[in-house]
Amino acid sequence: MPKKLVTCASVTVALLLTTITLLHAGNTMPVPTAKDKCPVCGMFVKGYPNWLAAIRLKNGSAIYFDGPKDLFNYYLNPGKYAPATKQSEFSEILVKDYYAVKPIDARQAYFVAGSDVLGPMGKELIPLAKKEDAIEFRADHKGNKVYRFQEVTPAVLKTLE
């Protein structure tokens, strides 16, 4: 193969990979260290990669949680856990889709409450990217209800205690 053709093909592949990476950068879960703890329950989060949830702040730092339930506890009352932190500082809110185990925007997710699937802290909100998956999960795992992000309230979280 001529050298120019190989170079052109290499550049094309590199550009495609860069484009794909940039398109998906919005839902990239920050990676916790072994020292990162959930500010709600105090558990180290690195040991629970399938349940990891995070809030990315506008300054680029991240707050990690061992599951969506603790993320919501923090989100709904950040002053309780970090008095200087405000919701207006949050740039991204990420959870992992239960089936795909990939980060998704929590604000777009569906959450199943009351299922027979337990997270690291017991009863958990199960995040799913698609409504159909949430409905199916609810039926398969005896869930009580499917919620959208804005429907999760302190009263909903209380049912998971």
Protein backbone atom coordinates (compact mmCIF):
# COMPACT_ATOMS: atom_id res chain seq x y z
CA MET A 1 0.00 0.00 0.00
CA PRO A 2 1.45 3.42 -0.88
CA LYS A 3 2.74 5.44 2.06
CA LYS A 4 0.38 8.39 1.32
CA LEU A 5 -2.66 6.11 1.38
CA VAL A 6 -1.64 4.59 4.73
CA THR A 7 -1.08 8.07 6.19
CA CYS A 8 -4.45 9.31 4.88
CA ALA A 9 -6.25 6.26 6.27
CA SER A 10 -4.54 6.69 9.65
CA VAL A 11 -5.54 10.36 9.86
CA THR A 12 -9.15 9.50 8.90
CA VAL A 13 -9.39 6.83 11.60
CA ALA A 14 -7.89 9.18 14.20
CA LEU A 15 -10.40 11.90 13.31
CA LEU A 16 -13.30 9.46 13.54
CA LEU A 17 -12.19 8.22 16.95
CA THR A 18 -11.76 11.78 18.20
CA THR A 19 -15.24 12.71 16.98
CA ILE A 20 -16.81 9.68 18.64
CA THR A 21 -14.99 10.44 21.89
CA LEU A 22 -16.15 14.05 21.88
CA LEU A 23 -19.75 13.06 21.19
CA HIS A 24 -19.76 10.76 24.21
CA ALA A 25 -17.66 12.92 26.53
CA GLY A 26 -20.77 14.33 28.22
CA ASN A 27 -21.56 10.98 29.83
CA THR A 28 -18.10 9.97 30.95
CA MET A 29 -18.09 8.87 34.56
CA PRO A 30 -15.24 10.43 36.50
CA VAL A 31 -13.00 7.78 38.07
CA PRO A 32 -12.83 7.72 41.86
CA THR A 33 -9.66 6.98 43.77
CA ALA A 34 -9.42 4.41 46.53
CA LYS A 35 -9.81 7.28 49.02
CA ASP A 36 -13.07 8.71 47.65
CA LYS A 37 -16.04 8.28 49.99
CA CYS A 38 -19.75 8.86 49.58
CA PRO A 39 -20.52 12.08 51.51
CA VAL A 40 -23.94 10.71 52.55
CA CYS A 41 -23.04 7.33 54.07
CA GLY A 42 -19.24 7.44 54.29
CA MET A 43 -18.63 4.26 52.26
CA PHE A 44 -15.63 4.05 49.95
CA VAL A 45 -17.12 4.12 46.43
CA LYS A 46 -14.42 2.46 44.34
CA GLY A 47 -15.51 -1.00 45.47
CA TYR A 48 -18.93 -0.58 43.85
CA PRO A 49 -18.25 0.32 40.20
CA ASN A 50 -21.62 -0.94 38.92
CA TRP A 51 -23.49 1.33 41.34
CA LEU A 52 -21.21 4.37 41.08
CA ALA A 53 -22.98 7.70 40.71
CA ALA A 54 -21.39 11.13 40.51
CA ILE A 55 -22.05 14.82 40.43
CA ARG A 56 -19.52 16.78 38.43
CA LEU A 57 -19.12 20.38 39.53
CA LYS A 58 -18.56 23.31 37.20
CA ASN A 59 -14.99 23.62 38.57
CA GLY A 60 -14.24 20.12 37.20
CA SER A 61 -14.18 18.24 40.49
CA ALA A 62 -16.53 15.36 41.23
CA ILE A 63 -18.54 14.09 44.17
CA TYR A 64 -19.01 10.31 44.24
CA PHE A 65 -21.80 8.16 45.61
CA ASP A 66 -22.16 4.42 46.19
CA GLY A 67 -25.57 4.49 44.49
CA PRO A 68 -28.37 6.67 43.11
CA LYS A 69 -30.24 6.79 46.45
CA ASP A 70 -27.34 8.59 48.15
CA LEU A 71 -26.85 10.80 45.10
CA PHE A 72 -30.47 11.97 45.44
CA ASN A 73 -30.12 12.50 49.19
CA TYR A 74 -27.18 14.78 48.46
CA TYR A 75 -28.75 16.47 45.42
CA LEU A 76 -31.95 17.34 47.26
CA ASN A 77 -30.09 18.79 50.25
CA PRO A 78 -26.43 19.54 49.41
CA GLY A 79 -26.12 22.00 52.32
CA LYS A 80 -26.59 19.15 54.79
CA TYR A 81 -23.46 17.38 53.50
CA ALA A 82 -21.35 20.29 52.21
CA PRO A 83 -22.66 23.64 53.49
CA ALA A 84 -20.79 25.68 50.86
CA THR A 85 -22.09 23.61 47.90
CA LYS A 86 -25.15 24.69 45.90
CA GLN A 87 -27.10 22.90 43.15
CA SER A 88 -26.18 25.76 40.81
CA GLU A 89 -22.59 24.45 40.92
CA PHE A 90 -23.58 21.06 39.46
CA SER A 91 -22.70 20.63 35.79
CA GLU A 92 -23.43 16.90 35.35
CA ILE A 93 -25.31 14.28 37.31
CA LEU A 94 -24.41 10.72 36.32
CA VAL A 95 -25.69 7.28 37.25
CA LYS A 96 -25.05 3.89 35.65
CA ASP A 97 -27.73 2.19 33.61
CA TYR A 98 -28.48 -1.06 35.44
CA TYR A 99 -28.48 -3.24 32.32
CA ALA A 100 -25.74 -1.60 30.24
CA VAL A 101 -23.60 -0.64 33.28
CA LYS A 102 -22.68 2.55 31.43
CA PRO A 103 -22.96 6.13 32.64
CA ILE A 104 -26.11 8.01 31.72
CA ASP A 105 -27.39 11.50 32.46
CA ALA A 106 -29.44 11.08 35.64
CA ARG A 107 -31.73 13.93 34.59
CA GLN A 108 -32.82 11.83 31.59
CA ALA A 109 -32.97 8.47 33.38
CA TYR A 110 -35.86 6.40 34.68
CA PHE A 111 -35.62 5.12 38.25
CA VAL A 112 -37.40 2.04 39.61
CA ALA A 113 -38.13 2.08 43.33
CA GLY A 114 -39.07 -0.79 45.60
CA SER A 115 -37.61 -3.66 43.59
CA ASP A 116 -36.06 -6.87 44.91
CA VAL A 117 -32.62 -5.75 43.66
CA LEU A 118 -30.44 -4.36 46.44
CA GLY A 119 -27.53 -1.95 46.11
CA PRO A 120 -24.53 -1.51 48.41
CA MET A 121 -26.72 0.24 51.01
CA GLY A 122 -29.79 -1.98 50.66
CA LYS A 123 -32.96 -0.75 48.95
CA GLU A 124 -32.01 1.33 45.94
CA LEU A 125 -33.34 3.38 43.04
CA ILE A 126 -32.49 1.39 39.92
CA PRO A 127 -31.48 3.67 37.01
CA LEU A 128 -32.31 2.82 33.42
CA ALA A 129 -31.84 4.84 30.24
CA LYS A 130 -34.99 3.66 28.46
CA LYS A 131 -38.60 3.78 29.60
CA GLU A 132 -39.25 0.31 28.14
CA ASP A 133 -36.38 -1.12 30.18
CA ALA A 134 -37.68 0.54 33.34
CA ILE A 135 -41.17 -0.87 32.81
CA GLU A 136 -39.78 -4.35 32.14
CA PHE A 137 -37.41 -4.16 35.12
CA ARG A 138 -40.27 -3.06 37.39
CA ALA A 139 -42.36 -6.06 36.33
CA ASP A 140 -39.48 -8.57 36.52
CA HIS A 141 -38.19 -7.36 39.90
CA LYS A 142 -41.39 -6.49 41.76
CA GLY A 143 -40.76 -2.74 41.66
CA ASN A 144 -43.33 -0.33 43.06
CA LYS A 145 -43.05 2.57 40.66
CA VAL A 146 -40.99 4.16 37.89
CA TYR A 147 -39.87 7.74 38.54
CA ARG A 148 -38.26 10.42 36.43
CA PHE A 149 -35.43 12.47 37.95
CA GLN A 150 -37.61 15.43 38.95
CA GLU A 151 -40.15 13.09 40.62
CA VAL A 152 -37.68 11.70 43.14
CA THR A 153 -38.42 13.52 46.39
CA PRO A 154 -37.44 13.08 50.04
CA ALA A 155 -40.72 11.18 50.49
CA VAL A 156 -39.71 8.70 47.75
CA LEU A 157 -36.29 8.27 49.36
CA LYS A 158 -37.95 7.64 52.73
CA THR A 159 -39.65 4.55 51.24
CA LEU A 160 -36.19 3.10 50.62
CA GLU A 161 -35.03 3.25 54.23
